[in-house]
């Protein structure tokens, strides 16, 4: 179902650096609507399609870039939230209901990558990224167990909400960040020397961590950007290190120096974004009920 460009969408230039990132004739298209809470877009280049989650409806949706058709990819989806694509082109998913991170294999079977830390069940994994060494990094706030809306209400077994790393060889789950209120979206810089993590607790900001030389831990964690419109949720980084992040008024774009250089206004809360398209220069945007997209004059730093 294609709806075309709609009122309430626009590019807002706050710094001339942003005006170089889109052509003057480009507008935002609404590709589909009908979700309750859209999240976790992931682009699959080989098939030219996008997978994303509709969390309360307990389903994953699939947008076909060639035809514009949207269909149900998986239902039930275990109240899936964040998704990404690993280095072998497989789907990696955070599941609120089962409180785990899974991988969908090429044959369609499901492999559990993480569901416990030191013998205790995770809260409700939220967002996930894969590093070039095949390690999997994810956040674990408690949204999926806070109520029955996005999972099953339950008492947490772990003291707090943290971020974790799954070792690609041993499968061991290690806590990498333990001083955030509600860690949420995360992404690496193009060279993977930096890890950005959003906190949807208070204060609502994105922090920037330095990745250790062995790629197994982080340090630092200074505030990179503070959200002035709701909260930062999911985000992605382009090839030049700019951060494109969700907010209550749409998408905010931050230069690597931390300057807010522009906005893409969307008429509903945005939860997450990802780069896709044949040249990875199309920004797919998960609004609350709808899927949007805009062509940019930059490219995503990687798939997922």
C-alpha atoms as a PDB file:
ATOM      1  CA  UNK A   1       0.000   0.000   0.000  1.00  0.00           C
ATOM      2  CA  UNK A   2       1.732   3.210  -1.173  1.00  0.00           C
ATOM      3  CA  UNK A   3       0.746   6.593   0.179  1.00  0.00           C
ATOM      4  CA  UNK A   4       3.334   8.973  -1.268  1.00  0.00           C
ATOM      5  CA  UNK A   5       4.563  12.200   0.281  1.00  0.00           C
ATOM      6  CA  UNK A   6       2.361  13.581   3.050  1.00  0.00           C
ATOM      7  CA  UNK A   7       1.938  16.822   4.966  1.00  0.00           C
ATOM      8  CA  UNK A   8       4.022  17.305   8.068  1.00  0.00           C
ATOM      9  CA  UNK A   9       7.240  15.959   6.573  1.00  0.00           C
ATOM     10  CA  UNK A  10      10.151  18.215   5.727  1.00  0.00           C
ATOM     11  CA  UNK A  11      13.918  18.669   5.830  1.00  0.00           C
ATOM     12  CA  UNK A  12      15.016  21.355   8.305  1.00  0.00           C
ATOM     13  CA  UNK A  13      18.517  22.770   7.800  1.00  0.00           C
ATOM     14  CA  UNK A  14      20.155  23.990  11.008  1.00  0.00           C
ATOM     15  CA  UNK A  15      23.704  24.004   9.635  1.00  0.00           C
ATOM     16  CA  UNK A  16      24.859  24.291   6.029  1.00  0.00           C
ATOM     17  CA  UNK A  17      26.529  20.893   6.361  1.00  0.00           C
ATOM     18  CA  UNK A  18      23.064  19.324   6.397  1.00  0.00           C
ATOM     19  CA  UNK A  19      21.949  20.944   3.123  1.00  0.00           C
ATOM     20  CA  UNK A  20      24.638  18.954   1.308  1.00  0.00           C
ATOM     21  CA  UNK A  21      23.031  15.670   2.364  1.00  0.00           C
ATOM     22  CA  UNK A  22      19.860  15.793   0.274  1.00  0.00           C
ATOM     23  CA  UNK A  23      18.764  17.130  -3.106  1.00  0.00           C
ATOM     24  CA  UNK A  24      16.382  20.072  -3.115  1.00  0.00           C
ATOM     25  CA  UNK A  25      13.603  18.143  -4.824  1.00  0.00           C
ATOM     26  CA  UNK A  26      13.680  15.205  -2.404  1.00  0.00           C
ATOM     27  CA  UNK A  27      10.740  14.706  -0.081  1.00  0.00           C
ATOM     28  CA  UNK A  28       9.784  12.079   2.493  1.00  0.00           C
ATOM     29  CA  UNK A  29       7.524   9.261   1.293  1.00  0.00           C
ATOM     30  CA  UNK A  30       5.189   7.244   3.459  1.00  0.00           C
ATOM     31  CA  UNK A  31       5.480   3.706   2.123  1.00  0.00           C
ATOM     32  CA  UNK A  32       2.944   1.952   4.341  1.00  0.00           C
ATOM     33  CA  UNK A  33       0.807   2.456   7.425  1.00  0.00           C
ATOM     34  CA  UNK A  34      -1.111   0.173   9.790  1.00  0.00           C
ATOM     35  CA  UNK A  35       1.216  -0.697  12.675  1.00  0.00           C
ATOM     36  CA  UNK A  36       0.798  -0.023  16.395  1.00  0.00           C
ATOM     37  CA  UNK A  37       4.463   0.566  17.239  1.00  0.00           C
ATOM     38  CA  UNK A  38       7.030   0.197  14.445  1.00  0.00           C
ATOM     39  CA  UNK A  39      10.611  -0.621  15.395  1.00  0.00           C
ATOM     40  CA  UNK A  40      13.829  -2.342  14.374  1.00  0.00           C
ATOM     41  CA  UNK A  41      14.208  -1.874  10.585  1.00  0.00           C
ATOM     42  CA  UNK A  42      16.883  -4.029   8.908  1.00  0.00           C
ATOM     43  CA  UNK A  43      17.803  -3.991   5.213  1.00  0.00           C
ATOM     44  CA  UNK A  44      18.561  -7.188   3.284  1.00  0.00           C
ATOM     45  CA  UNK A  45      20.522  -6.245   0.170  1.00  0.00           C
ATOM     46  CA  UNK A  46      20.414  -9.615  -1.580  1.00  0.00           C
ATOM     47  CA  UNK A  47      16.626  -9.637  -1.705  1.00  0.00           C
ATOM     48  CA  UNK A  48      16.066  -5.871  -1.787  1.00  0.00           C
ATOM     49  CA  UNK A  49      13.681  -5.953   1.130  1.00  0.00           C
ATOM     50  CA  UNK A  50      13.301  -4.447   4.584  1.00  0.00           C
ATOM     51  CA  UNK A  51      12.219  -6.284   7.731  1.00  0.00           C
ATOM     52  CA  UNK A  52      10.817  -4.402  10.716  1.00  0.00           C
ATOM     53  CA  UNK A  53       8.878  -5.099  13.918  1.00  0.00           C
ATOM     54  CA  UNK A  54       5.359  -4.148  14.981  1.00  0.00           C
ATOM     55  CA  UNK A  55       5.894  -4.943  18.647  1.00  0.00           C
ATOM     56  CA  UNK A  56       2.387  -4.887  20.248  1.00  0.00           C
ATOM     57  CA  UNK A  57       0.923  -6.722  17.234  1.00  0.00           C
ATOM     58  CA  UNK A  58       3.513  -9.463  17.781  1.00  0.00           C
ATOM     59  CA  UNK A  59       4.582  -9.535  14.148  1.00  0.00           C
ATOM     60  CA  UNK A  60       7.405  -8.674  11.795  1.00  0.00           C
ATOM     61  CA  UNK A  61       6.667  -6.999   8.473  1.00  0.00           C
ATOM     62  CA  UNK A  62       8.457  -7.157   5.131  1.00  0.00           C
ATOM     63  CA  UNK A  63       8.666  -4.325   2.598  1.00  0.00           C
ATOM     64  CA  UNK A  64       9.612  -5.356  -0.965  1.00  0.00           C
ATOM     65  CA  UNK A  65      11.609  -2.535  -2.510  1.00  0.00           C
ATOM     66  CA  UNK A  66      10.956  -3.676  -6.083  1.00  0.00           C
ATOM     67  CA  UNK A  67       7.167  -3.862  -5.851  1.00  0.00           C
ATOM     68  CA  UNK A  68       6.380  -1.667  -2.840  1.00  0.00           C
ATOM     69  CA  UNK A  69       4.362  -4.546  -1.387  1.00  0.00           C
ATOM     70  CA  UNK A  70       4.215  -5.080   2.391  1.00  0.00           C
ATOM     71  CA  UNK A  71       3.466  -8.492   3.872  1.00  0.00           C
ATOM     72  CA  UNK A  72       3.744 -10.269   7.209  1.00  0.00           C
ATOM     73  CA  UNK A  73       7.190 -11.814   7.521  1.00  0.00           C
ATOM     74  CA  UNK A  74       6.661 -13.596  10.859  1.00  0.00           C
ATOM     75  CA  UNK A  75       3.773 -13.893  13.289  1.00  0.00           C
ATOM     76  CA  UNK A  76       4.020 -14.489  16.154  1.00  0.00           C
ATOM     77  CA  UNK A  77       7.364 -12.738  16.377  1.00  0.00           C
ATOM     78  CA  UNK A  78       7.811 -13.118  20.151  1.00  0.00           C
ATOM     79  CA  UNK A  79       7.219  -9.344  20.382  1.00  0.00           C
ATOM     80  CA  UNK A  80      10.389  -8.706  18.420  1.00  0.00           C
ATOM     81  CA  UNK A  81      11.972  -5.277  18.724  1.00  0.00           C
ATOM     82  CA  UNK A  82      15.403  -4.463  17.271  1.00  0.00           C
ATOM     83  CA  UNK A  83      16.747  -6.278  14.220  1.00  0.00           C
ATOM     84  CA  UNK A  84      19.966  -6.233  12.263  1.00  0.00           C
ATOM     85  CA  UNK A  85      21.809  -8.188   9.588  1.00  0.00           C
ATOM     86  CA  UNK A  86      24.981 -10.084  10.449  1.00  0.00           C
ATOM     87  CA  UNK A  87      28.066 -10.359   8.252  1.00  0.00           C
ATOM     88  CA  UNK A  88      26.704 -13.497   6.617  1.00  0.00           C
ATOM     89  CA  UNK A  89      23.383 -11.872   5.702  1.00  0.00           C
ATOM     90  CA  UNK A  90      21.325 -13.515   8.460  1.00  0.00           C
ATOM     91  CA  UNK A  91      18.634 -11.830  10.543  1.00  0.00           C
ATOM     92  CA  UNK A  92      19.499 -11.106  14.185  1.00  0.00           C
ATOM     93  CA  UNK A  93      16.528 -10.204  16.391  1.00  0.00           C
ATOM     94  CA  UNK A  94      15.795  -8.978  19.911  1.00  0.00           C
ATOM     95  CA  UNK A  95      12.714 -10.705  21.339  1.00  0.00           C
ATOM     96  CA  UNK A  96      10.847  -9.128  24.241  1.00  0.00           C
ATOM     97  CA  UNK A  97       8.522 -12.047  24.924  1.00  0.00           C
ATOM     98  CA  UNK A  98      11.227 -14.705  25.127  1.00  0.00           C
ATOM     99  CA  UNK A  99      13.759 -12.257  26.618  1.00  0.00           C
ATOM    100  CA  UNK A 100      16.480 -13.262  24.210  1.00  0.00           C
ATOM    101  CA  UNK A 101      18.542 -12.453  21.118  1.00  0.00           C
ATOM    102  CA  UNK A 102      18.153 -14.873  18.223  1.00  0.00           C
ATOM    103  CA  UNK A 103      19.501 -15.483  14.744  1.00  0.00           C
ATOM    104  CA  UNK A 104      17.391 -16.739  11.853  1.00  0.00           C
ATOM    105  CA  UNK A 105      19.493 -19.200   9.898  1.00  0.00           C
ATOM    106  CA  UNK A 106      19.484 -19.539   6.109  1.00  0.00           C
ATOM    107  CA  UNK A 107      17.159 -22.562   6.395  1.00  0.00           C
ATOM    108  CA  UNK A 108      14.721 -20.605   8.583  1.00  0.00           C
ATOM    109  CA  UNK A 109      15.602 -22.258  11.881  1.00  0.00           C
ATOM    110  CA  UNK A 110      16.131 -20.127  14.982  1.00  0.00           C
ATOM    111  CA  UNK A 111      19.360 -20.103  16.993  1.00  0.00           C
ATOM    112  CA  UNK A 112      19.383 -18.559  20.469  1.00  0.00           C
ATOM    113  CA  UNK A 113      22.423 -16.313  20.846  1.00  0.00           C
ATOM    114  CA  UNK A 114      21.755 -14.874  24.308  1.00  0.00           C
ATOM    115  CA  UNK A 115      19.017 -15.311  26.891  1.00  0.00           C
ATOM    116  CA  UNK A 116      20.900 -15.229  30.181  1.00  0.00           C
ATOM    117  CA  UNK A 117      23.774 -13.469  31.895  1.00  0.00           C
ATOM    118  CA  UNK A 118      25.480 -15.416  34.679  1.00  0.00           C
ATOM    119  CA  UNK A 119      22.526 -17.768  34.884  1.00  0.00           C
ATOM    120  CA  UNK A 120      19.894 -15.012  35.191  1.00  0.00           C
ATOM    121  CA  UNK A 121      17.341 -14.249  32.508  1.00  0.00           C
ATOM    122  CA  UNK A 122      17.811 -11.051  30.543  1.00  0.00           C
ATOM    123  CA  UNK A 123      15.214  -8.291  30.915  1.00  0.00           C
ATOM    124  CA  UNK A 124      14.028  -7.787  27.317  1.00  0.00           C
ATOM    125  CA  UNK A 125      16.743  -7.240  24.688  1.00  0.00           C
ATOM    126  CA  UNK A 126      15.940  -4.093  22.741  1.00  0.00           C
ATOM    127  CA  UNK A 127      18.412  -3.234  19.987  1.00  0.00           C
ATOM    128  CA  UNK A 128      21.364  -5.014  18.436  1.00  0.00           C
ATOM    129  CA  UNK A 129      24.365  -4.493  16.148  1.00  0.00           C
ATOM    130  CA  UNK A 130      27.003  -6.819  14.738  1.00  0.00           C
ATOM    131  CA  UNK A 131      30.691  -5.871  14.634  1.00  0.00           C
ATOM    132  CA  UNK A 132      33.054  -6.845  11.816  1.00  0.00           C
ATOM    133  CA  UNK A 133      34.560  -9.590  14.021  1.00  0.00           C
ATOM    134  CA  UNK A 134      31.053 -11.191  14.181  1.00  0.00           C
ATOM    135  CA  UNK A 135      30.541 -10.256  17.834  1.00  0.00           C
ATOM    136  CA  UNK A 136      26.989  -9.223  18.693  1.00  0.00           C
ATOM    137  CA  UNK A 137      26.317  -6.186  20.893  1.00  0.00           C
ATOM    138  CA  UNK A 138      22.878  -5.519  22.366  1.00  0.00           C
ATOM    139  CA  UNK A 139      21.048  -3.454  24.959  1.00  0.00           C
ATOM    140  CA  UNK A 140      18.710  -4.855  27.613  1.00  0.00           C
ATOM    141  CA  UNK A 141      16.270  -2.381  29.180  1.00  0.00           C
ATOM    142  CA  UNK A 142      13.112  -3.668  30.851  1.00  0.00           C
ATOM    143  CA  UNK A 143      10.378  -2.400  28.524  1.00  0.00           C
ATOM    144  CA  UNK A 144       9.259  -5.896  27.591  1.00  0.00           C
ATOM    145  CA  UNK A 145       8.674  -6.949  31.202  1.00  0.00           C
ATOM    146  CA  UNK A 146       7.347  -3.635  32.542  1.00  0.00           C
ATOM    147  CA  UNK A 147       3.841  -4.457  31.267  1.00  0.00           C
ATOM    148  CA  UNK A 148       1.950  -6.861  29.019  1.00  0.00           C
ATOM    149  CA  UNK A 149       1.938  -4.403  26.114  1.00  0.00           C
ATOM    150  CA  UNK A 150       5.249  -5.421  24.527  1.00  0.00           C
ATOM    151  CA  UNK A 151       5.826  -8.797  26.165  1.00  0.00           C
ATOM    152  CA  UNK A 152       4.879 -10.405  29.484  1.00  0.00           C
ATOM    153  CA  UNK A 153       4.961  -8.517  32.753  1.00  0.00           C
ATOM    154  CA  UNK A 154       7.626 -10.035  34.992  1.00  0.00           C
ATOM    155  CA  UNK A 155      10.071  -9.191  37.749  1.00  0.00           C
ATOM    156  CA  UNK A 156      13.635  -8.600  36.574  1.00  0.00           C
ATOM    157  CA  UNK A 157      16.251 -11.146  37.540  1.00  0.00           C
ATOM    158  CA  UNK A 158      19.175  -8.826  36.793  1.00  0.00           C
ATOM    159  CA  UNK A 159      19.966  -5.722  38.838  1.00  0.00           C
ATOM    160  CA  UNK A 160      19.351  -2.951  36.356  1.00  0.00           C
ATOM    161  CA  UNK A 161      19.459  -2.416  32.611  1.00  0.00           C
ATOM    162  CA  UNK A 162      22.758  -2.886  30.795  1.00  0.00           C
ATOM    163  CA  UNK A 163      24.494  -3.537  27.467  1.00  0.00           C
ATOM    164  CA  UNK A 164      26.169  -6.810  26.511  1.00  0.00           C
ATOM    165  CA  UNK A 165      28.505  -8.442  24.006  1.00  0.00           C
ATOM    166  CA  UNK A 166      28.202 -11.989  22.658  1.00  0.00           C
ATOM    167  CA  UNK A 167      31.571 -13.508  21.781  1.00  0.00           C
ATOM    168  CA  UNK A 168      31.569 -14.890  18.210  1.00  0.00           C
ATOM    169  CA  UNK A 169      33.637 -17.978  19.089  1.00  0.00           C
ATOM    170  CA  UNK A 170      32.629 -19.030  22.586  1.00  0.00           C
ATOM    171  CA  UNK A 171      29.125 -17.559  22.670  1.00  0.00           C
ATOM    172  CA  UNK A 172      29.858 -16.118  26.111  1.00  0.00           C
ATOM    173  CA  UNK A 173      27.718 -13.121  27.106  1.00  0.00           C
ATOM    174  CA  UNK A 174      29.691 -10.311  28.755  1.00  0.00           C
ATOM    175  CA  UNK A 175      28.336  -7.125  30.298  1.00  0.00           C
ATOM    176  CA  UNK A 176      30.049  -4.151  28.664  1.00  0.00           C
ATOM    177  CA  UNK A 177      28.133  -1.145  30.050  1.00  0.00           C
ATOM    178  CA  UNK A 178      26.588  -1.067  33.523  1.00  0.00           C
ATOM    179  CA  UNK A 179      26.038   2.626  34.272  1.00  0.00           C
ATOM    180  CA  UNK A 180      23.018   3.499  32.133  1.00  0.00           C
ATOM    181  CA  UNK A 181      19.367   3.826  33.155  1.00  0.00           C
ATOM    182  CA  UNK A 182      17.669   2.452  30.025  1.00  0.00           C
ATOM    183  CA  UNK A 183      20.207   1.651  27.308  1.00  0.00           C
ATOM    184  CA  UNK A 184      18.445   1.492  23.977  1.00  0.00           C
ATOM    185  CA  UNK A 185      19.710   2.122  20.431  1.00  0.00           C
ATOM    186  CA  UNK A 186      23.368   1.523  19.614  1.00  0.00           C
ATOM    187  CA  UNK A 187      25.730   1.741  16.644  1.00  0.00           C
ATOM    188  CA  UNK A 188      29.432   1.758  15.856  1.00  0.00           C
ATOM    189  CA  UNK A 189      31.342   4.501  14.098  1.00  0.00           C
ATOM    190  CA  UNK A 190      32.482   3.526  10.569  1.00  0.00           C
ATOM    191  CA  UNK A 191      35.935   2.485  11.831  1.00  0.00           C
ATOM    192  CA  UNK A 192      34.394   0.718  14.865  1.00  0.00           C
ATOM    193  CA  UNK A 193      36.631   2.658  17.232  1.00  0.00           C
ATOM    194  CA  UNK A 194      33.583   4.268  18.849  1.00  0.00           C
ATOM    195  CA  UNK A 195      30.317   2.837  20.156  1.00  0.00           C
ATOM    196  CA  UNK A 196      27.300   5.131  20.499  1.00  0.00           C
ATOM    197  CA  UNK A 197      24.524   4.100  22.894  1.00  0.00           C
ATOM    198  CA  UNK A 198      21.241   5.903  23.568  1.00  0.00           C
ATOM    199  CA  UNK A 199      19.762   6.101  27.061  1.00  0.00           C
ATOM    200  CA  UNK A 200      15.982   6.543  27.135  1.00  0.00           C
ATOM    201  CA  UNK A 201      16.045   6.964  30.905  1.00  0.00           C
ATOM    202  CA  UNK A 202      16.834  10.294  32.541  1.00  0.00           C
ATOM    203  CA  UNK A 203      18.656  12.222  31.251  1.00  0.00           C
ATOM    204  CA  UNK A 204      17.795  11.238  27.685  1.00  0.00           C
ATOM    205  CA  UNK A 205      20.952  11.333  25.642  1.00  0.00           C
ATOM    206  CA  UNK A 206      23.429   9.442  23.470  1.00  0.00           C
ATOM    207  CA  UNK A 207      26.776   8.537  24.985  1.00  0.00           C
ATOM    208  CA  UNK A 208      29.979   7.797  23.098  1.00  0.00           C
ATOM    209  CA  UNK A 209      32.364   5.060  24.226  1.00  0.00           C
ATOM    210  CA  UNK A 210      35.860   4.182  23.022  1.00  0.00           C
ATOM    211  CA  UNK A 211      36.170   0.558  21.923  1.00  0.00           C
ATOM    212  CA  UNK A 212      39.236  -1.265  23.276  1.00  0.00           C
ATOM    213  CA  UNK A 213      41.953  -2.349  20.799  1.00  0.00           C
ATOM    214  CA  UNK A 214      40.904  -5.997  21.155  1.00  0.00           C
ATOM    215  CA  UNK A 215      37.285  -5.054  20.388  1.00  0.00           C
ATOM    216  CA  UNK A 216      35.900  -6.732  23.493  1.00  0.00           C
ATOM    217  CA  UNK A 217      35.138  -3.846  25.848  1.00  0.00           C
ATOM    218  CA  UNK A 218      34.572  -0.092  26.004  1.00  0.00           C
ATOM    219  CA  UNK A 219      35.637   2.795  28.175  1.00  0.00           C
ATOM    220  CA  UNK A 220      34.711   6.444  28.611  1.00  0.00           C
ATOM    221  CA  UNK A 221      31.109   7.195  27.827  1.00  0.00           C
ATOM    222  CA  UNK A 222      30.919  10.963  27.558  1.00  0.00           C
ATOM    223  CA  UNK A 223      27.624  12.528  26.488  1.00  0.00           C
ATOM    224  CA  UNK A 224      27.581  12.973  22.711  1.00  0.00           C
ATOM    225  CA  UNK A 225      24.140  14.574  22.318  1.00  0.00           C
ATOM    226  CA  UNK A 226      21.140  15.469  24.479  1.00  0.00           C
ATOM    227  CA  UNK A 227      17.633  14.968  23.119  1.00  0.00           C
ATOM    228  CA  UNK A 228      15.453  18.083  22.881  1.00  0.00           C
ATOM    229  CA  UNK A 229      12.392  16.272  21.510  1.00  0.00           C
ATOM    230  CA  UNK A 230      11.243  13.266  23.506  1.00  0.00           C
ATOM    231  CA  UNK A 231      13.968  10.643  23.607  1.00  0.00           C
ATOM    232  CA  UNK A 232      16.587   9.134  21.330  1.00  0.00           C
ATOM    233  CA  UNK A 233      15.650   5.540  20.545  1.00  0.00           C
ATOM    234  CA  UNK A 234      17.232   3.674  17.625  1.00  0.00           C
ATOM    235  CA  UNK A 235      19.765   5.239  15.262  1.00  0.00           C
ATOM    236  CA  UNK A 236      22.331   4.528  12.564  1.00  0.00           C
ATOM    237  CA  UNK A 237      25.620   6.069  11.431  1.00  0.00           C
ATOM    238  CA  UNK A 238      26.472   7.074   7.867  1.00  0.00           C
ATOM    239  CA  UNK A 239      29.795   6.525   6.059  1.00  0.00           C
ATOM    240  CA  UNK A 240      31.176   9.856   7.310  1.00  0.00           C
ATOM    241  CA  UNK A 241      30.288   9.225  10.937  1.00  0.00           C
ATOM    242  CA  UNK A 242      27.136  11.321  11.180  1.00  0.00           C
ATOM    243  CA  UNK A 243      24.492   9.979  13.588  1.00  0.00           C
ATOM    244  CA  UNK A 244      20.904   9.787  12.273  1.00  0.00           C
ATOM    245  CA  UNK A 245      18.681   9.242  15.277  1.00  0.00           C
ATOM    246  CA  UNK A 246      15.003   8.868  16.080  1.00  0.00           C
ATOM    247  CA  UNK A 247      13.190  11.486  18.192  1.00  0.00           C
ATOM    248  CA  UNK A 248       9.630  12.500  19.018  1.00  0.00           C
ATOM    249  CA  UNK A 249       9.532  14.926  16.075  1.00  0.00           C
ATOM    250  CA  UNK A 250      11.265  12.775  13.485  1.00  0.00           C
ATOM    251  CA  UNK A 251      14.938  12.190  12.709  1.00  0.00           C
ATOM    252  CA  UNK A 252      17.797  14.343  13.999  1.00  0.00           C
ATOM    253  CA  UNK A 253      21.178  14.353  12.268  1.00  0.00           C
ATOM    254  CA  UNK A 254      24.319  15.013  14.305  1.00  0.00           C
ATOM    255  CA  UNK A 255      27.736  15.724  12.867  1.00  0.00           C
ATOM    256  CA  UNK A 256      30.571  13.643  14.370  1.00  0.00           C
ATOM    257  CA  UNK A 257      31.553  16.742  16.386  1.00  0.00           C
ATOM    258  CA  UNK A 258      28.179  16.558  18.175  1.00  0.00           C
ATOM    259  CA  UNK A 259      26.477  19.457  16.378  1.00  0.00           C
ATOM    260  CA  UNK A 260      22.802  19.021  15.519  1.00  0.00           C
ATOM    261  CA  UNK A 261      22.940  20.002  11.847  1.00  0.00           C
ATOM    262  CA  UNK A 262      19.447  19.135  10.646  1.00  0.00           C
ATOM    263  CA  UNK A 263      16.137  17.360  11.073  1.00  0.00           C
ATOM    264  CA  UNK A 264      13.726  15.289   9.035  1.00  0.00           C
ATOM    265  CA  UNK A 265      10.283  16.080  10.402  1.00  0.00           C
ATOM    266  CA  UNK A 266       7.816  13.185  10.623  1.00  0.00           C
ATOM    267  CA  UNK A 267       4.211  13.648  11.847  1.00  0.00           C
ATOM    268  CA  UNK A 268       4.508  10.917  14.488  1.00  0.00           C
ATOM    269  CA  UNK A 269       7.081   9.642  16.965  1.00  0.00           C
ATOM    270  CA  UNK A 270      10.007   7.893  15.284  1.00  0.00           C
ATOM    271  CA  UNK A 271      11.449   4.816  16.993  1.00  0.00           C
ATOM    272  CA  UNK A 272      14.251   3.731  14.665  1.00  0.00           C
ATOM    273  CA  UNK A 273      15.922   4.132  11.280  1.00  0.00           C
ATOM    274  CA  UNK A 274      18.267   2.264   8.965  1.00  0.00           C
ATOM    275  CA  UNK A 275      19.999   2.793   5.637  1.00  0.00           C
ATOM    276  CA  UNK A 276      18.995   0.658   2.679  1.00  0.00           C
ATOM    277  CA  UNK A 277      18.272   0.669  -1.009  1.00  0.00           C
ATOM    278  CA  UNK A 278      20.540  -0.515  -3.812  1.00  0.00           C
ATOM    279  CA  UNK A 279      23.203   2.065  -2.936  1.00  0.00           C
ATOM    280  CA  UNK A 280      22.452   2.191   0.801  1.00  0.00           C
ATOM    281  CA  UNK A 281      21.518   5.860   0.385  1.00  0.00           C
ATOM    282  CA  UNK A 282      17.852   5.558   1.322  1.00  0.00           C
ATOM    283  CA  UNK A 283      16.943   6.212   4.939  1.00  0.00           C
ATOM    284  CA  UNK A 284      14.071   4.011   6.092  1.00  0.00           C
ATOM    285  CA  UNK A 285      12.215   5.509   9.048  1.00  0.00           C
ATOM    286  CA  UNK A 286       9.953   3.650  11.478  1.00  0.00           C
ATOM    287  CA  UNK A 287       7.270   6.066  12.650  1.00  0.00           C
ATOM    288  CA  UNK A 288       4.780   4.901  15.240  1.00  0.00           C
ATOM    289  CA  UNK A 289       2.245   3.516  12.770  1.00  0.00           C
ATOM    290  CA  UNK A 290       4.040   3.874   9.449  1.00  0.00           C
ATOM    291  CA  UNK A 291       7.121   3.200   7.373  1.00  0.00           C
ATOM    292  CA  UNK A 292       8.727   6.228   5.724  1.00  0.00           C
ATOM    293  CA  UNK A 293      11.747   6.677   3.461  1.00  0.00           C
ATOM    294  CA  UNK A 294      13.895   9.459   2.023  1.00  0.00           C
ATOM    295  CA  UNK A 295      16.768   9.459  -0.468  1.00  0.00           C
ATOM    296  CA  UNK A 296      19.961  11.052   0.820  1.00  0.00           C
ATOM    297  CA  UNK A 297      23.267  12.146  -0.645  1.00  0.00           C
ATOM    298  CA  UNK A 298      25.186   9.977   1.767  1.00  0.00           C
ATOM    299  CA  UNK A 299      25.297   6.251   2.481  1.00  0.00           C
ATOM    300  CA  UNK A 300      24.994   4.057   5.521  1.00  0.00           C
ATOM    301  CA  UNK A 301      28.271   2.899   7.015  1.00  0.00           C
ATOM    302  CA  UNK A 302      27.176  -0.759   6.816  1.00  0.00           C
ATOM    303  CA  UNK A 303      24.135  -2.987   6.404  1.00  0.00           C
ATOM    304  CA  UNK A 304      21.705  -3.475   9.234  1.00  0.00           C
END
